[in-house]
Amino acid sequence: MPLEVKKQEKESAQGVIRRFLKAVKQSGILKEAQKRRFFVRPLSAKKKREAALTRIKAQKDYERRDKLGLIKNRYDRK
């Protein structure tokens, strides 16, 4: 899928580059290239399940600590 951006009338070079970069990001070309750069072995079902359970446990722990007020907001100046 070729990506083409043509210069419009009275458009600066920076404008064309900005539009091109936006089109590349939206198309997902870079994300796909990064995925294909290195081979990653597929995880077994057991490993996937363990990772999912770890994520869920961490999320519940975070919510519990937030409810108790143990998590400090980094934007507060206290």
C-alpha atoms as a PDB file:
ATOM      1  CA  MET A   1       0.000   0.000   0.000  1.00  0.00           C
ATOM      2  CA  PRO A   2       1.963   3.042  -1.206  1.00  0.00           C
ATOM      3  CA  LEU A   3       1.595   6.247   0.734  1.00  0.00           C
ATOM      4  CA  GLU A   4       1.514   9.408  -1.344  1.00  0.00           C
ATOM      5  CA  VAL A   5       1.320  13.032  -0.208  1.00  0.00           C
ATOM      6  CA  LYS A   6       1.339  15.757  -2.841  1.00  0.00           C
ATOM      7  CA  LYS A   7       2.221  19.356  -2.164  1.00  0.00           C
ATOM      8  CA  GLN A   8      -0.814  21.594  -2.226  1.00  0.00           C
ATOM      9  CA  GLU A   9      -0.885  25.104  -3.571  1.00  0.00           C
ATOM     10  CA  LYS A  10       0.826  27.634  -1.258  1.00  0.00           C
ATOM     11  CA  GLU A  11       1.941  24.909   1.170  1.00  0.00           C
ATOM     12  CA  SER A  12       5.347  25.012   2.806  1.00  0.00           C
ATOM     13  CA  ALA A  13       7.765  22.106   2.886  1.00  0.00           C
ATOM     14  CA  GLN A  14       7.187  21.724   6.632  1.00  0.00           C
ATOM     15  CA  GLY A  15       3.451  21.446   5.981  1.00  0.00           C
ATOM     16  CA  VAL A  16       3.989  18.629   3.494  1.00  0.00           C
ATOM     17  CA  ILE A  17       6.315  16.812   5.898  1.00  0.00           C
ATOM     18  CA  ARG A  18       3.809  17.239   8.741  1.00  0.00           C
ATOM     19  CA  ARG A  19       0.990  15.803   6.616  1.00  0.00           C
ATOM     20  CA  PHE A  20       3.213  12.931   5.489  1.00  0.00           C
ATOM     21  CA  LEU A  21       4.221  12.019   9.053  1.00  0.00           C
ATOM     22  CA  LYS A  22       0.581  12.149  10.152  1.00  0.00           C
ATOM     23  CA  ALA A  23      -0.409   9.852   7.282  1.00  0.00           C
ATOM     24  CA  VAL A  24       2.376   7.398   8.166  1.00  0.00           C
ATOM     25  CA  LYS A  25       1.271   7.292  11.818  1.00  0.00           C
ATOM     26  CA  GLN A  26      -2.371   6.765  10.900  1.00  0.00           C
ATOM     27  CA  SER A  27      -1.583   4.036   8.380  1.00  0.00           C
ATOM     28  CA  GLY A  28       0.292   1.929  10.948  1.00  0.00           C
ATOM     29  CA  ILE A  29       3.291   1.336   8.684  1.00  0.00           C
ATOM     30  CA  LEU A  30       5.861   2.009  11.409  1.00  0.00           C
ATOM     31  CA  LYS A  31       4.083  -0.168  13.967  1.00  0.00           C
ATOM     32  CA  GLU A  32       3.999  -3.059  11.498  1.00  0.00           C
ATOM     33  CA  ALA A  33       7.693  -2.589  10.655  1.00  0.00           C
ATOM     34  CA  GLN A  34       8.616  -2.631  14.338  1.00  0.00           C
ATOM     35  CA  LYS A  35       6.619  -5.836  14.821  1.00  0.00           C
ATOM     36  CA  ARG A  36       8.379  -7.546  11.918  1.00  0.00           C
ATOM     37  CA  ARG A  37      11.863  -6.384  12.886  1.00  0.00           C
ATOM     38  CA  PHE A  38      12.434  -9.169  15.398  1.00  0.00           C
ATOM     39  CA  PHE A  39      10.857 -12.591  15.592  1.00  0.00           C
ATOM     40  CA  VAL A  40       8.981 -13.189  18.820  1.00  0.00           C
ATOM     41  CA  ARG A  41       8.099 -16.749  19.664  1.00  0.00           C
ATOM     42  CA  PRO A  42       4.402 -17.247  20.300  1.00  0.00           C
ATOM     43  CA  LEU A  43       3.508 -17.742  23.950  1.00  0.00           C
ATOM     44  CA  SER A  44       1.939 -20.946  25.156  1.00  0.00           C
ATOM     45  CA  ALA A  45      -1.629 -20.864  26.460  1.00  0.00           C
ATOM     46  CA  LYS A  46      -0.340 -21.327  30.012  1.00  0.00           C
ATOM     47  CA  LYS A  47       2.017 -18.346  29.766  1.00  0.00           C
ATOM     48  CA  LYS A  48      -0.754 -16.159  28.287  1.00  0.00           C
ATOM     49  CA  ARG A  49      -3.110 -17.139  31.090  1.00  0.00           C
ATOM     50  CA  GLU A  50      -0.460 -16.435  33.749  1.00  0.00           C
ATOM     51  CA  ALA A  51       0.318 -13.032  32.235  1.00  0.00           C
ATOM     52  CA  ALA A  52      -3.376 -12.135  32.135  1.00  0.00           C
ATOM     53  CA  LEU A  53      -3.845 -13.181  35.766  1.00  0.00           C
ATOM     54  CA  THR A  54      -0.811 -11.114  36.781  1.00  0.00           C
ATOM     55  CA  ARG A  55      -2.229  -8.047  35.017  1.00  0.00           C
ATOM     56  CA  ILE A  56      -5.631  -8.510  36.656  1.00  0.00           C
ATOM     57  CA  LYS A  57      -4.039  -8.952  40.083  1.00  0.00           C
ATOM     58  CA  ALA A  58      -1.936  -5.801  39.655  1.00  0.00           C
ATOM     59  CA  GLN A  59      -4.973  -3.809  38.507  1.00  0.00           C
ATOM     60  CA  LYS A  60      -7.037  -4.937  41.511  1.00  0.00           C
ATOM     61  CA  ASP A  61      -4.168  -4.140  43.874  1.00  0.00           C
ATOM     62  CA  TYR A  62      -3.822  -0.658  42.356  1.00  0.00           C
ATOM     63  CA  GLU A  63      -7.571  -0.030  42.680  1.00  0.00           C
ATOM     64  CA  ARG A  64      -7.515  -1.200  46.320  1.00  0.00           C
ATOM     65  CA  ARG A  65      -4.547   1.032  47.177  1.00  0.00           C
ATOM     66  CA  ASP A  66      -6.165   3.977  45.356  1.00  0.00           C
ATOM     67  CA  LYS A  67      -9.379   3.463  47.334  1.00  0.00           C
ATOM     68  CA  LEU A  68      -7.418   3.476  50.591  1.00  0.00           C
ATOM     69  CA  GLY A  69      -5.584   6.655  49.550  1.00  0.00           C
ATOM     70  CA  LEU A  70      -2.161   5.021  49.463  1.00  0.00           C
ATOM     71  CA  ILE A  71      -1.384   6.198  45.926  1.00  0.00           C
ATOM     72  CA  LYS A  72      -0.110   9.734  45.640  1.00  0.00           C
ATOM     73  CA  ASN A  73      -0.993  11.709  42.567  1.00  0.00           C
ATOM     74  CA  ARG A  74       2.222  12.920  40.954  1.00  0.00           C
ATOM     75  CA  TYR A  75       0.562  16.208  39.979  1.00  0.00           C
ATOM     76  CA  ASP A  76      -0.290  17.144  43.575  1.00  0.00           C
ATOM     77  CA  ARG A  77       2.181  19.460  45.259  1.00  0.00           C
ATOM     78  CA  LYS A  78       2.065  18.163  48.791  1.00  0.00           C
END
